[in-house]
PDB file of N, CA and C in Angstrom:
ATOM      1  N   MET A   1    -111.235  31.919 -66.380  1.00  0.00           N
ATOM      2  CA  MET A   1    -112.449  31.172 -66.136  1.00  0.00           C
ATOM      3  C   MET A   1    -112.296  29.774 -66.739  1.00  0.00           C
ATOM      4  N   ASN A   2    -112.680  28.785 -65.964  1.00  0.00           N
ATOM      5  CA  ASN A   2    -112.641  27.404 -66.437  1.00  0.00           C
ATOM      6  C   ASN A   2    -113.874  27.095 -67.268  1.00  0.00           C
ATOM      7  N   ARG A   3    -113.759  26.127 -68.119  1.00  0.00           N
ATOM      8  CA  ARG A   3    -114.835  25.777 -69.041  1.00  0.00           C
ATOM      9  C   ARG A   3    -116.128  25.380 -68.330  1.00  0.00           C
ATOM     10  N   LEU A   4    -116.026  24.726 -67.177  1.00  0.00           N
ATOM     11  CA  LEU A   4    -117.223  24.235 -66.488  1.00  0.00           C
ATOM     12  C   LEU A   4    -117.570  25.018 -65.224  1.00  0.00           C
ATOM     13  N   ASP A   5    -117.021  26.214 -65.061  1.00  0.00           N
ATOM     14  CA  ASP A   5    -117.402  27.051 -63.923  1.00  0.00           C
ATOM     15  C   ASP A   5    -118.915  27.241 -63.922  1.00  0.00           C
ATOM     16  N   ASP A   6    -119.513  27.244 -62.731  1.00  0.00           N
ATOM     17  CA  ASP A   6    -120.956  27.445 -62.548  1.00  0.00           C
ATOM     18  C   ASP A   6    -121.796  26.315 -63.117  1.00  0.00           C
ATOM     19  N   LYS A   7    -121.196  25.156 -63.343  1.00  0.00           N
ATOM     20  CA  LYS A   7    -121.927  23.985 -63.835  1.00  0.00           C
ATOM     21  C   LYS A   7    -121.908  22.907 -62.762  1.00  0.00           C
ATOM     22  N   VAL A   8    -122.916  22.032 -62.797  1.00  0.00           N
ATOM     23  CA  VAL A   8    -122.974  20.875 -61.907  1.00  0.00           C
ATOM     24  C   VAL A   8    -123.011  19.625 -62.769  1.00  0.00           C
ATOM     25  N   ALA A   9    -122.152  18.672 -62.444  1.00  0.00           N
ATOM     26  CA  ALA A   9    -122.106  17.398 -63.165  1.00  0.00           C
ATOM     27  C   ALA A   9    -122.593  16.293 -62.237  1.00  0.00           C
ATOM     28  N   LEU A  10    -123.506  15.468 -62.728  1.00  0.00           N
ATOM     29  CA  LEU A  10    -123.978  14.288 -62.011  1.00  0.00           C
ATOM     30  C   LEU A  10    -123.393  13.073 -62.719  1.00  0.00           C
ATOM     31  N   ILE A  11    -122.600  12.298 -61.992  1.00  0.00           N
ATOM     32  CA  ILE A  11    -121.937  11.144 -62.583  1.00  0.00           C
ATOM     33  C   ILE A  11    -122.336   9.902 -61.812  1.00  0.00           C
ATOM     34  N   THR A  12    -123.123   9.044 -62.465  1.00  0.00           N
ATOM     35  CA  THR A  12    -123.489   7.773 -61.852  1.00  0.00           C
ATOM     36  C   THR A  12    -122.349   6.790 -62.077  1.00  0.00           C
ATOM     37  N   GLY A  13    -122.181   5.880 -61.136  1.00  0.00           N
ATOM     38  CA  GLY A  13    -121.054   4.951 -61.233  1.00  0.00           C
ATOM     39  C   GLY A  13    -119.736   5.665 -61.039  1.00  0.00           C
ATOM     40  N   GLY A  14    -119.732   6.695 -60.198  1.00  0.00           N
ATOM     41  CA  GLY A  14    -118.550   7.535 -60.056  1.00  0.00           C
ATOM     42  C   GLY A  14    -117.569   7.127 -58.984  1.00  0.00           C
ATOM     43  N   ALA A  15    -117.784   5.984 -58.341  1.00  0.00           N
ATOM     44  CA  ALA A  15    -116.911   5.590 -57.237  1.00  0.00           C
ATOM     45  C   ALA A  15    -115.510   5.192 -57.682  1.00  0.00           C
ATOM     46  N   ARG A  16    -115.415   4.618 -58.872  1.00  0.00           N
ATOM     47  CA  ARG A  16    -114.097   4.154 -59.330  1.00  0.00           C
ATOM     48  C   ARG A  16    -114.088   4.068 -60.850  1.00  0.00           C
ATOM     49  N   GLY A  17    -112.944   3.731 -61.403  1.00  0.00           N
ATOM     50  CA  GLY A  17    -112.823   3.528 -62.841  1.00  0.00           C
ATOM     51  C   GLY A  17    -113.110   4.768 -63.664  1.00  0.00           C
ATOM     52  N   GLN A  18    -113.784   4.545 -64.782  1.00  0.00           N
ATOM     53  CA  GLN A  18    -114.063   5.638 -65.719  1.00  0.00           C
ATOM     54  C   GLN A  18    -114.890   6.741 -65.069  1.00  0.00           C
ATOM     55  N   GLY A  19    -115.868   6.384 -64.241  1.00  0.00           N
ATOM     56  CA  GLY A  19    -116.689   7.395 -63.577  1.00  0.00           C
ATOM     57  C   GLY A  19    -115.871   8.298 -62.676  1.00  0.00           C
ATOM     58  N   ALA A  20    -114.976   7.709 -61.892  1.00  0.00           N
ATOM     59  CA  ALA A  20    -114.113   8.498 -61.010  1.00  0.00           C
ATOM     60  C   ALA A  20    -113.177   9.391 -61.815  1.00  0.00           C
ATOM     61  N   SER A  21    -112.651   8.870 -62.912  1.00  0.00           N
ATOM     62  CA  SER A  21    -111.776   9.676 -63.775  1.00  0.00           C
ATOM     63  C   SER A  21    -112.516  10.863 -64.353  1.00  0.00           C
ATOM     64  N   GLU A  22    -113.737  10.639 -64.805  1.00  0.00           N
ATOM     65  CA  GLU A  22    -114.542  11.746 -65.341  1.00  0.00           C
ATOM     66  C   GLU A  22    -114.845  12.776 -64.253  1.00  0.00           C
ATOM     67  N   ALA A  23    -115.152  12.306 -63.051  1.00  0.00           N
ATOM     68  CA  ALA A  23    -115.423  13.229 -61.942  1.00  0.00           C
ATOM     69  C   ALA A  23    -114.208  14.118 -61.675  1.00  0.00           C
ATOM     70  N   GLU A  24    -113.026  13.536 -61.689  1.00  0.00           N
ATOM     71  CA  GLU A  24    -111.804  14.307 -61.476  1.00  0.00           C
ATOM     72  C   GLU A  24    -111.605  15.345 -62.581  1.00  0.00           C
ATOM     73  N   LEU A  25    -111.828  14.946 -63.820  1.00  0.00           N
ATOM     74  CA  LEU A  25    -111.673  15.867 -64.944  1.00  0.00           C
ATOM     75  C   LEU A  25    -112.682  17.014 -64.876  1.00  0.00           C
ATOM     76  N   PHE A  26    -113.929  16.685 -64.565  1.00  0.00           N
ATOM     77  CA  PHE A  26    -114.966  17.722 -64.482  1.00  0.00           C
ATOM     78  C   PHE A  26    -114.653  18.704 -63.356  1.00  0.00           C
ATOM     79  N   ALA A  27    -114.225  18.192 -62.212  1.00  0.00           N
ATOM     80  CA  ALA A  27    -113.877  19.069 -61.091  1.00  0.00           C
ATOM     81  C   ALA A  27    -112.693  19.964 -61.446  1.00  0.00           C
ATOM     82  N   ALA A  28    -111.706  19.401 -62.116  1.00  0.00           N
ATOM     83  CA  ALA A  28    -110.541  20.191 -62.527  1.00  0.00           C
ATOM     84  C   ALA A  28    -110.914  21.277 -63.517  1.00  0.00           C
ATOM     85  N   ALA A  29    -111.985  21.045 -64.281  1.00  0.00           N
ATOM     86  CA  ALA A  29    -112.452  22.042 -65.246  1.00  0.00           C
ATOM     87  C   ALA A  29    -113.422  23.039 -64.623  1.00  0.00           C
ATOM     88  N   GLY A  30    -113.648  22.952 -63.302  1.00  0.00           N
ATOM     89  CA  GLY A  30    -114.432  23.961 -62.600  1.00  0.00           C
ATOM     90  C   GLY A  30    -115.821  23.553 -62.159  1.00  0.00           C
ATOM     91  N   ALA A  31    -116.276  22.362 -62.494  1.00  0.00           N
ATOM     92  CA  ALA A  31    -117.636  21.945 -62.142  1.00  0.00           C
ATOM     93  C   ALA A  31    -117.733  21.533 -60.673  1.00  0.00           C
ATOM     94  N   GLN A  32    -118.917  21.701 -60.120  1.00  0.00           N
ATOM     95  CA  GLN A  32    -119.282  21.054 -58.875  1.00  0.00           C
ATOM     96  C   GLN A  32    -119.761  19.667 -59.297  1.00  0.00           C
ATOM     97  N   VAL A  33    -119.284  18.627 -58.643  1.00  0.00           N
ATOM     98  CA  VAL A  33    -119.552  17.267 -59.095  1.00  0.00           C
ATOM     99  C   VAL A  33    -120.286  16.485 -58.012  1.00  0.00           C
ATOM    100  N   VAL A  34    -121.327  15.774 -58.434  1.00  0.00           N
ATOM    101  CA  VAL A  34    -122.024  14.834 -57.570  1.00  0.00           C
ATOM    102  C   VAL A  34    -121.809  13.454 -58.170  1.00  0.00           C
ATOM    103  N   ILE A  35    -121.177  12.576 -57.390  1.00  0.00           N
ATOM    104  CA  ILE A  35    -121.004  11.202 -57.859  1.00  0.00           C
ATOM    105  C   ILE A  35    -121.945  10.303 -57.079  1.00  0.00           C
ATOM    106  N   THR A  36    -122.496   9.310 -57.777  1.00  0.00           N
ATOM    107  CA  THR A  36    -123.361   8.333 -57.134  1.00  0.00           C
ATOM    108  C   THR A  36    -122.850   6.939 -57.467  1.00  0.00           C
ATOM    109  N   ASP A  37    -123.134   6.007 -56.555  1.00  0.00           N
ATOM    110  CA  ASP A  37    -122.720   4.625 -56.789  1.00  0.00           C
ATOM    111  C   ASP A  37    -123.290   3.764 -55.669  1.00  0.00           C
ATOM    112  N   VAL A  38    -123.318   2.457 -55.891  1.00  0.00           N
ATOM    113  CA  VAL A  38    -123.681   1.510 -54.841  1.00  0.00           C
ATOM    114  C   VAL A  38    -122.466   1.165 -53.986  1.00  0.00           C
ATOM    115  N   LEU A  39    -121.282   1.499 -54.449  1.00  0.00           N
ATOM    116  CA  LEU A  39    -120.034   1.238 -53.723  1.00  0.00           C
ATOM    117  C   LEU A  39    -119.755   2.410 -52.788  1.00  0.00           C
ATOM    118  N   GLU A  40    -120.342   2.350 -51.596  1.00  0.00           N
ATOM    119  CA  GLU A  40    -120.316   3.505 -50.695  1.00  0.00           C
ATOM    120  C   GLU A  40    -118.916   3.878 -50.213  1.00  0.00           C
ATOM    121  N   ASP A  41    -118.131   2.913 -49.764  1.00  0.00           N
ATOM    122  CA  ASP A  41    -116.789   3.236 -49.263  1.00  0.00           C
ATOM    123  C   ASP A  41    -115.924   3.840 -50.367  1.00  0.00           C
ATOM    124  N   ALA A  42    -115.941   3.225 -51.539  1.00  0.00           N
ATOM    125  CA  ALA A  42    -115.152   3.741 -52.660  1.00  0.00           C
ATOM    126  C   ALA A  42    -115.653   5.113 -53.093  1.00  0.00           C
ATOM    127  N   GLY A  43    -116.957   5.315 -53.070  1.00  0.00           N
ATOM    128  CA  GLY A  43    -117.525   6.608 -53.446  1.00  0.00           C
ATOM    129  C   GLY A  43    -117.109   7.719 -52.502  1.00  0.00           C
ATOM    130  N   ARG A  44    -117.149   7.430 -51.207  1.00  0.00           N
ATOM    131  CA  ARG A  44    -116.714   8.436 -50.225  1.00  0.00           C
ATOM    132  C   ARG A  44    -115.233   8.756 -50.398  1.00  0.00           C
ATOM    133  N   GLU A  45    -114.426   7.709 -50.616  1.00  0.00           N
ATOM    134  CA  GLU A  45    -112.983   7.917 -50.812  1.00  0.00           C
ATOM    135  C   GLU A  45    -112.705   8.767 -52.053  1.00  0.00           C
ATOM    136  N   THR A  46    -113.422   8.506 -53.126  1.00  0.00           N
ATOM    137  CA  THR A  46    -113.230   9.275 -54.354  1.00  0.00           C
ATOM    138  C   THR A  46    -113.612  10.731 -54.141  1.00  0.00           C
ATOM    139  N   ALA A  47    -114.744  10.963 -53.501  1.00  0.00           N
ATOM    140  CA  ALA A  47    -115.182  12.347 -53.245  1.00  0.00           C
ATOM    141  C   ALA A  47    -114.176  13.077 -52.360  1.00  0.00           C
ATOM    142  N   GLU A  48    -113.663  12.413 -51.338  1.00  0.00           N
ATOM    143  CA  GLU A  48    -112.657  13.030 -50.473  1.00  0.00           C
ATOM    144  C   GLU A  48    -111.389  13.357 -51.248  1.00  0.00           C
ATOM    145  N   ARG A  49    -110.973  12.453 -52.116  1.00  0.00           N
ATOM    146  CA  ARG A  49    -109.763  12.675 -52.912  1.00  0.00           C
ATOM    147  C   ARG A  49    -109.923  13.870 -53.844  1.00  0.00           C
ATOM    148  N   ILE A  50    -111.107  14.007 -54.449  1.00  0.00           N
ATOM    149  CA  ILE A  50    -111.344  15.121 -55.376  1.00  0.00           C
ATOM    150  C   ILE A  50    -111.419  16.438 -54.622  1.00  0.00           C
ATOM    151  N   GLY A  51    -112.032  16.436 -53.445  1.00  0.00           N
ATOM    152  CA  GLY A  51    -112.051  17.642 -52.629  1.00  0.00           C
ATOM    153  C   GLY A  51    -113.414  18.293 -52.514  1.00  0.00           C
ATOM    154  N   ASP A  52    -113.394  19.565 -52.136  1.00  0.00           N
ATOM    155  CA  ASP A  52    -114.618  20.301 -51.817  1.00  0.00           C
ATOM    156  C   ASP A  52    -115.591  20.433 -52.980  1.00  0.00           C
ATOM    157  N   SER A  53    -115.131  20.272 -54.183  1.00  0.00           N
ATOM    158  CA  SER A  53    -116.019  20.423 -55.340  1.00  0.00           C
ATOM    159  C   SER A  53    -116.779  19.141 -55.664  1.00  0.00           C
ATOM    160  N   CYS A  54    -116.626  18.114 -54.823  1.00  0.00           N
ATOM    161  CA  CYS A  54    -117.267  16.823 -55.103  1.00  0.00           C
ATOM    162  C   CYS A  54    -118.053  16.330 -53.892  1.00  0.00           C
ATOM    163  N   ARG A  55    -119.235  15.787 -54.180  1.00  0.00           N
ATOM    164  CA  ARG A  55    -120.089  15.198 -53.145  1.00  0.00           C
ATOM    165  C   ARG A  55    -120.484  13.789 -53.589  1.00  0.00           C
ATOM    166  N   PHE A  56    -120.528  12.856 -52.629  1.00  0.00           N
ATOM    167  CA  PHE A  56    -120.954  11.491 -52.919  1.00  0.00           C
ATOM    168  C   PHE A  56    -122.336  11.236 -52.353  1.00  0.00           C
ATOM    169  N   ILE A  57    -123.170  10.549 -53.139  1.00  0.00           N
ATOM    170  CA  ILE A  57    -124.481  10.091 -52.687  1.00  0.00           C
ATOM    171  C   ILE A  57    -124.589   8.607 -53.010  1.00  0.00           C
ATOM    172  N   ALA A  58    -124.898   7.788 -51.989  1.00  0.00           N
ATOM    173  CA  ALA A  58    -125.142   6.367 -52.216  1.00  0.00           C
ATOM    174  C   ALA A  58    -126.443   6.238 -53.001  1.00  0.00           C
ATOM    175  N   HIS A  59    -126.363   5.567 -54.157  1.00  0.00           N
ATOM    176  CA  HIS A  59    -127.523   5.531 -55.051  1.00  0.00           C
ATOM    177  C   HIS A  59    -127.399   4.357 -56.014  1.00  0.00           C
ATOM    178  N   ASP A  60    -128.493   3.619 -56.147  1.00  0.00           N
ATOM    179  CA  ASP A  60    -128.574   2.522 -57.102  1.00  0.00           C
ATOM    180  C   ASP A  60    -129.479   2.992 -58.241  1.00  0.00           C
ATOM    181  N   VAL A  61    -128.912   3.221 -59.404  1.00  0.00           N
ATOM    182  CA  VAL A  61    -129.701   3.772 -60.518  1.00  0.00           C
ATOM    183  C   VAL A  61    -130.814   2.847 -60.969  1.00  0.00           C
ATOM    184  N   SER A  62    -130.743   1.561 -60.619  1.00  0.00           N
ATOM    185  CA  SER A  62    -131.798   0.622 -61.014  1.00  0.00           C
ATOM    186  C   SER A  62    -132.947   0.582 -60.014  1.00  0.00           C
ATOM    187  N   SER A  63    -132.849   1.366 -58.940  1.00  0.00           N
ATOM    188  CA  SER A  63    -133.860   1.365 -57.886  1.00  0.00           C
ATOM    189  C   SER A  63    -134.752   2.605 -57.980  1.00  0.00           C
ATOM    190  N   GLU A  64    -136.029   2.400 -58.258  1.00  0.00           N
ATOM    191  CA  GLU A  64    -136.960   3.526 -58.319  1.00  0.00           C
ATOM    192  C   GLU A  64    -137.025   4.244 -56.971  1.00  0.00           C
ATOM    193  N   ALA A  65    -136.959   3.483 -55.882  1.00  0.00           N
ATOM    194  CA  ALA A  65    -136.991   4.096 -54.549  1.00  0.00           C
ATOM    195  C   ALA A  65    -135.798   5.024 -54.336  1.00  0.00           C
ATOM    196  N   ASP A  66    -134.629   4.644 -54.831  1.00  0.00           N
ATOM    197  CA  ASP A  66    -133.456   5.514 -54.691  1.00  0.00           C
ATOM    198  C   ASP A  66    -133.630   6.813 -55.465  1.00  0.00           C
ATOM    199  N   TRP A  67    -134.277   6.771 -56.619  1.00  0.00           N
ATOM    200  CA  TRP A  67    -134.516   7.994 -57.396  1.00  0.00           C
ATOM    201  C   TRP A  67    -135.476   8.923 -56.665  1.00  0.00           C
ATOM    202  N   ARG A  68    -136.389   8.355 -55.897  1.00  0.00           N
ATOM    203  CA  ARG A  68    -137.382   9.157 -55.189  1.00  0.00           C
ATOM    204  C   ARG A  68    -136.888   9.656 -53.825  1.00  0.00           C
ATOM    205  N   ARG A  69    -135.847   9.018 -53.310  1.00  0.00           N
ATOM    206  CA  ARG A  69    -135.336   9.367 -51.980  1.00  0.00           C
ATOM    207  C   ARG A  69    -134.756  10.777 -51.966  1.00  0.00           C
ATOM    208  N   GLU A  70    -135.101  11.533 -50.956  1.00  0.00           N
ATOM    209  CA  GLU A  70    -134.565  12.890 -50.809  1.00  0.00           C
ATOM    210  C   GLU A  70    -133.235  12.835 -50.074  1.00  0.00           C
ATOM    211  N   GLN A  71    -132.348  13.712 -50.447  1.00  0.00           N
ATOM    212  CA  GLN A  71    -131.026  13.798 -49.819  1.00  0.00           C
ATOM    213  C   GLN A  71    -130.983  14.941 -48.866  1.00  0.00           C
TER     214      GLN A  71
END
């Protein structure tokens, strides 16, 4: 059993850099990962690279409307 099995990680700013690295580590440890970012193309590419355990949502954390938007 992996340390993060049955856990979900939400990582804002996950399209690239430190956020993407953390998403990869969390997925490798067994978590289902949701990454969000304003960088849509990079976010989709990162989620595809990580695989089935990762989902990308376009999201601006500074936007109240984005927090209220349903997916």
